């Protein structure tokens, strides 16, 4: 597989009455994954298009994000049973159970592959021509490490 993608993340703020919430949105080649999938769904003329947003790590049990994005899960966990991850959640409420975009993550040699995308509330949709996205392993791990460090700084600043 040829490496065709560079991973980055955008961390943004989301209003919430009780908490300071941080939204983590992956980007592929500097384009938000939410934008990429919305454009794909539009081209495919799906019935509902878009509506995706980043993940809210403070409100979901993803476990350590550095392991999550590599597909390394606790034995018996939901994500281990699914065999993949939520990359995006609902753009309105932020809940991954409401309107997620899921995929499987595979490490193959020096590459990380996002493939088998799924919108579980529209199982009749085919995402077979969306992706796969193939990342160089070291760049991918560095992007995840940088995002985790940035998110941690923001969370610590919120407590202070």
C-alpha atoms as a PDB file:
ATOM      1  CA  UNK A   1       0.000   0.000   0.000  1.00  0.00           C
ATOM      2  CA  UNK A   2       1.242   3.445  -0.848  1.00  0.00           C
ATOM      3  CA  UNK A   3       1.279   6.066   1.858  1.00  0.00           C
ATOM      4  CA  UNK A   4      -1.165   8.710   0.694  1.00  0.00           C
ATOM      5  CA  UNK A   5      -2.075  10.659   3.798  1.00  0.00           C
ATOM      6  CA  UNK A   6      -0.712  12.844   6.557  1.00  0.00           C
ATOM      7  CA  UNK A   7      -2.586  12.894   9.860  1.00  0.00           C
ATOM      8  CA  UNK A   8      -3.140  15.975  11.979  1.00  0.00           C
ATOM      9  CA  UNK A   9      -5.730  17.029  14.525  1.00  0.00           C
ATOM     10  CA  UNK A  10      -7.659  20.179  15.233  1.00  0.00           C
ATOM     11  CA  UNK A  11      -8.588  20.801  18.857  1.00  0.00           C
ATOM     12  CA  UNK A  12     -11.405  23.258  19.326  1.00  0.00           C
ATOM     13  CA  UNK A  13     -13.661  24.476  22.109  1.00  0.00           C
ATOM     14  CA  UNK A  14     -17.321  23.500  22.467  1.00  0.00           C
ATOM     15  CA  UNK A  15     -19.770  25.398  24.652  1.00  0.00           C
ATOM     16  CA  UNK A  16     -21.299  23.413  27.485  1.00  0.00           C
ATOM     17  CA  UNK A  17     -23.137  24.819  30.513  1.00  0.00           C
ATOM     18  CA  UNK A  18     -21.125  22.862  33.101  1.00  0.00           C
ATOM     19  CA  UNK A  19     -17.763  22.049  31.525  1.00  0.00           C
ATOM     20  CA  UNK A  20     -15.111  23.340  29.211  1.00  0.00           C
ATOM     21  CA  UNK A  21     -15.263  20.725  26.468  1.00  0.00           C
ATOM     22  CA  UNK A  22     -12.543  20.114  23.934  1.00  0.00           C
ATOM     23  CA  UNK A  23     -13.340  18.640  20.531  1.00  0.00           C
ATOM     24  CA  UNK A  24     -10.723  16.537  18.740  1.00  0.00           C
ATOM     25  CA  UNK A  25     -11.182  16.353  14.975  1.00  0.00           C
ATOM     26  CA  UNK A  26      -8.817  14.387  12.770  1.00  0.00           C
ATOM     27  CA  UNK A  27      -7.616  15.927   9.524  1.00  0.00           C
ATOM     28  CA  UNK A  28      -6.210  14.105   6.522  1.00  0.00           C
ATOM     29  CA  UNK A  29      -3.794  16.111   4.401  1.00  0.00           C
ATOM     30  CA  UNK A  30      -4.900  19.240   6.289  1.00  0.00           C
ATOM     31  CA  UNK A  31      -8.591  18.722   5.472  1.00  0.00           C
ATOM     32  CA  UNK A  32     -11.014  17.943   8.279  1.00  0.00           C
ATOM     33  CA  UNK A  33     -12.235  14.358   8.135  1.00  0.00           C
ATOM     34  CA  UNK A  34     -15.755  15.739   8.723  1.00  0.00           C
ATOM     35  CA  UNK A  35     -15.394  17.777   5.519  1.00  0.00           C
ATOM     36  CA  UNK A  36     -13.987  14.838   3.564  1.00  0.00           C
ATOM     37  CA  UNK A  37     -16.789  12.461   4.541  1.00  0.00           C
ATOM     38  CA  UNK A  38     -19.463  15.117   3.953  1.00  0.00           C
ATOM     39  CA  UNK A  39     -18.133  15.710   0.433  1.00  0.00           C
ATOM     40  CA  UNK A  40     -18.081  11.952  -0.184  1.00  0.00           C
ATOM     41  CA  UNK A  41     -21.668  11.532   1.038  1.00  0.00           C
ATOM     42  CA  UNK A  42     -22.785  14.421  -1.159  1.00  0.00           C
ATOM     43  CA  UNK A  43     -21.126  12.883  -4.228  1.00  0.00           C
ATOM     44  CA  UNK A  44     -22.804   9.561  -3.417  1.00  0.00           C
ATOM     45  CA  UNK A  45     -26.156  11.377  -3.003  1.00  0.00           C
ATOM     46  CA  UNK A  46     -26.879   9.792   0.365  1.00  0.00           C
ATOM     47  CA  UNK A  47     -30.156  10.725   2.057  1.00  0.00           C
ATOM     48  CA  UNK A  48     -28.614  12.555   5.039  1.00  0.00           C
ATOM     49  CA  UNK A  49     -25.321  14.257   4.359  1.00  0.00           C
ATOM     50  CA  UNK A  50     -22.743  15.298   6.918  1.00  0.00           C
ATOM     51  CA  UNK A  51     -23.671  16.284  10.438  1.00  0.00           C
ATOM     52  CA  UNK A  52     -20.348  15.058  11.810  1.00  0.00           C
ATOM     53  CA  UNK A  53     -18.135  16.632  14.426  1.00  0.00           C
ATOM     54  CA  UNK A  54     -15.020  15.758  16.323  1.00  0.00           C
ATOM     55  CA  UNK A  55     -14.788  13.535  19.368  1.00  0.00           C
ATOM     56  CA  UNK A  56     -15.343  14.718  22.941  1.00  0.00           C
ATOM     57  CA  UNK A  57     -12.752  12.730  24.928  1.00  0.00           C
ATOM     58  CA  UNK A  58     -13.972  14.143  28.246  1.00  0.00           C
ATOM     59  CA  UNK A  59     -17.432  12.633  27.773  1.00  0.00           C
ATOM     60  CA  UNK A  60     -16.547   9.279  26.217  1.00  0.00           C
ATOM     61  CA  UNK A  61     -14.582   6.310  27.441  1.00  0.00           C
ATOM     62  CA  UNK A  62     -12.014   5.966  24.665  1.00  0.00           C
ATOM     63  CA  UNK A  63      -9.243   5.037  27.070  1.00  0.00           C
ATOM     64  CA  UNK A  64      -5.789   6.504  26.455  1.00  0.00           C
ATOM     65  CA  UNK A  65      -6.042   8.287  23.099  1.00  0.00           C
ATOM     66  CA  UNK A  66      -2.517   7.323  22.046  1.00  0.00           C
ATOM     67  CA  UNK A  67      -3.573   3.666  22.219  1.00  0.00           C
ATOM     68  CA  UNK A  68      -7.104   4.281  20.921  1.00  0.00           C
ATOM     69  CA  UNK A  69      -5.945   5.769  17.604  1.00  0.00           C
ATOM     70  CA  UNK A  70      -3.619   2.791  17.106  1.00  0.00           C
ATOM     71  CA  UNK A  71      -6.469   0.350  17.640  1.00  0.00           C
ATOM     72  CA  UNK A  72      -5.003  -0.950  20.894  1.00  0.00           C
ATOM     73  CA  UNK A  73      -7.924  -1.673  23.212  1.00  0.00           C
ATOM     74  CA  UNK A  74      -8.524  -3.239  26.588  1.00  0.00           C
ATOM     75  CA  UNK A  75      -9.566  -6.884  26.378  1.00  0.00           C
ATOM     76  CA  UNK A  76     -13.349  -7.159  26.324  1.00  0.00           C
ATOM     77  CA  UNK A  77     -13.901  -3.442  25.677  1.00  0.00           C
ATOM     78  CA  UNK A  78     -16.538  -2.175  23.258  1.00  0.00           C
ATOM     79  CA  UNK A  79     -13.910  -1.074  20.756  1.00  0.00           C
ATOM     80  CA  UNK A  80     -12.080  -4.391  20.897  1.00  0.00           C
ATOM     81  CA  UNK A  81     -15.356  -6.201  20.181  1.00  0.00           C
ATOM     82  CA  UNK A  82     -16.112  -3.825  17.283  1.00  0.00           C
ATOM     83  CA  UNK A  83     -12.574  -4.052  15.997  1.00  0.00           C
ATOM     84  CA  UNK A  84     -12.411  -0.376  15.120  1.00  0.00           C
ATOM     85  CA  UNK A  85     -12.784   3.175  16.340  1.00  0.00           C
ATOM     86  CA  UNK A  86     -15.096   6.139  16.159  1.00  0.00           C
ATOM     87  CA  UNK A  87     -13.296   8.867  14.245  1.00  0.00           C
ATOM     88  CA  UNK A  88     -16.165  11.365  14.341  1.00  0.00           C
ATOM     89  CA  UNK A  89     -19.284  11.878  16.416  1.00  0.00           C
ATOM     90  CA  UNK A  90     -22.434  13.928  16.017  1.00  0.00           C
ATOM     91  CA  UNK A  91     -21.731  17.514  15.025  1.00  0.00           C
ATOM     92  CA  UNK A  92     -24.762  18.725  16.988  1.00  0.00           C
ATOM     93  CA  UNK A  93     -24.634  16.938  20.351  1.00  0.00           C
ATOM     94  CA  UNK A  94     -21.130  15.468  20.213  1.00  0.00           C
ATOM     95  CA  UNK A  95     -22.280  11.953  21.083  1.00  0.00           C
ATOM     96  CA  UNK A  96     -20.593   9.105  19.202  1.00  0.00           C
ATOM     97  CA  UNK A  97     -23.711   6.962  19.599  1.00  0.00           C
ATOM     98  CA  UNK A  98     -25.866   9.571  17.858  1.00  0.00           C
ATOM     99  CA  UNK A  99     -24.130   9.984  14.485  1.00  0.00           C
ATOM    100  CA  UNK A 100     -20.651   8.428  14.315  1.00  0.00           C
ATOM    101  CA  UNK A 101     -18.233   7.660  11.557  1.00  0.00           C
ATOM    102  CA  UNK A 102     -16.417   4.453  12.368  1.00  0.00           C
ATOM    103  CA  UNK A 103     -13.496   2.690  10.747  1.00  0.00           C
ATOM    104  CA  UNK A 104     -11.080  -0.107  11.336  1.00  0.00           C
ATOM    105  CA  UNK A 105      -7.427   0.646  12.075  1.00  0.00           C
ATOM    106  CA  UNK A 106      -4.702  -1.678  10.870  1.00  0.00           C
ATOM    107  CA  UNK A 107      -0.970  -1.390  11.410  1.00  0.00           C
ATOM    108  CA  UNK A 108       0.825  -2.969   8.476  1.00  0.00           C
ATOM    109  CA  UNK A 109       4.603  -2.720   8.518  1.00  0.00           C
ATOM    110  CA  UNK A 110       5.482   0.979   8.712  1.00  0.00           C
ATOM    111  CA  UNK A 111       1.949   2.086   7.855  1.00  0.00           C
ATOM    112  CA  UNK A 112      -1.321   2.743   9.629  1.00  0.00           C
ATOM    113  CA  UNK A 113      -4.442   2.174   7.546  1.00  0.00           C
ATOM    114  CA  UNK A 114      -7.941   3.533   8.137  1.00  0.00           C
ATOM    115  CA  UNK A 115     -10.371   1.350   6.200  1.00  0.00           C
ATOM    116  CA  UNK A 116     -13.855  -0.222   6.273  1.00  0.00           C
ATOM    117  CA  UNK A 117     -15.639   3.032   7.093  1.00  0.00           C
ATOM    118  CA  UNK A 118     -19.152   2.707   8.454  1.00  0.00           C
ATOM    119  CA  UNK A 119     -22.080   4.907   9.429  1.00  0.00           C
ATOM    120  CA  UNK A 120     -23.907   2.406  11.685  1.00  0.00           C
ATOM    121  CA  UNK A 121     -27.239   4.242  11.479  1.00  0.00           C
ATOM    122  CA  UNK A 122     -27.209   3.844   7.689  1.00  0.00           C
ATOM    123  CA  UNK A 123     -25.896   0.313   7.200  1.00  0.00           C
ATOM    124  CA  UNK A 124     -27.171   0.229   3.610  1.00  0.00           C
ATOM    125  CA  UNK A 125     -24.597   2.869   2.631  1.00  0.00           C
ATOM    126  CA  UNK A 126     -21.364   1.808   1.022  1.00  0.00           C
ATOM    127  CA  UNK A 127     -18.217   3.646   2.035  1.00  0.00           C
ATOM    128  CA  UNK A 128     -16.027   1.213   0.072  1.00  0.00           C
ATOM    129  CA  UNK A 129     -14.688   4.028  -2.123  1.00  0.00           C
ATOM    130  CA  UNK A 130     -14.009   6.325   0.845  1.00  0.00           C
ATOM    131  CA  UNK A 131     -10.386   5.733   1.697  1.00  0.00           C
ATOM    132  CA  UNK A 132      -8.517   3.750   2.636  1.00  0.00           C
ATOM    133  CA  UNK A 133      -6.231   6.349   4.146  1.00  0.00           C
ATOM    134  CA  UNK A 134      -2.683   5.094   4.577  1.00  0.00           C
ATOM    135  CA  UNK A 135      -0.361   6.958   6.949  1.00  0.00           C
ATOM    136  CA  UNK A 136       3.349   6.543   7.650  1.00  0.00           C
ATOM    137  CA  UNK A 137       3.533   4.995  11.141  1.00  0.00           C
ATOM    138  CA  UNK A 138       6.089   7.411  12.660  1.00  0.00           C
ATOM    139  CA  UNK A 139       4.238  10.496  11.365  1.00  0.00           C
ATOM    140  CA  UNK A 140       0.925   9.083  12.586  1.00  0.00           C
ATOM    141  CA  UNK A 141       2.281   8.360  16.069  1.00  0.00           C
ATOM    142  CA  UNK A 142       3.821  11.846  16.256  1.00  0.00           C
ATOM    143  CA  UNK A 143       0.523  13.490  15.246  1.00  0.00           C
ATOM    144  CA  UNK A 144      -1.314  11.513  17.934  1.00  0.00           C
ATOM    145  CA  UNK A 145       1.385  12.287  20.521  1.00  0.00           C
ATOM    146  CA  UNK A 146       1.233  16.000  19.712  1.00  0.00           C
ATOM    147  CA  UNK A 147      -2.581  16.025  19.933  1.00  0.00           C
ATOM    148  CA  UNK A 148      -2.513  14.202  23.287  1.00  0.00           C
ATOM    149  CA  UNK A 149       0.056  16.656  24.696  1.00  0.00           C
ATOM    150  CA  UNK A 150      -1.910  19.678  23.438  1.00  0.00           C
ATOM    151  CA  UNK A 151      -5.168  18.313  24.841  1.00  0.00           C
ATOM    152  CA  UNK A 152      -3.518  17.578  28.189  1.00  0.00           C
ATOM    153  CA  UNK A 153      -2.196  21.172  28.410  1.00  0.00           C
ATOM    154  CA  UNK A 154      -5.670  22.530  27.726  1.00  0.00           C
ATOM    155  CA  UNK A 155      -7.265  20.265  30.332  1.00  0.00           C
ATOM    156  CA  UNK A 156      -4.679  21.235  32.962  1.00  0.00           C
ATOM    157  CA  UNK A 157      -5.194  24.927  32.176  1.00  0.00           C
ATOM    158  CA  UNK A 158      -8.945  24.463  32.686  1.00  0.00           C
ATOM    159  CA  UNK A 159      -8.342  23.140  36.205  1.00  0.00           C
ATOM    160  CA  UNK A 160      -5.995  25.985  37.136  1.00  0.00           C
END
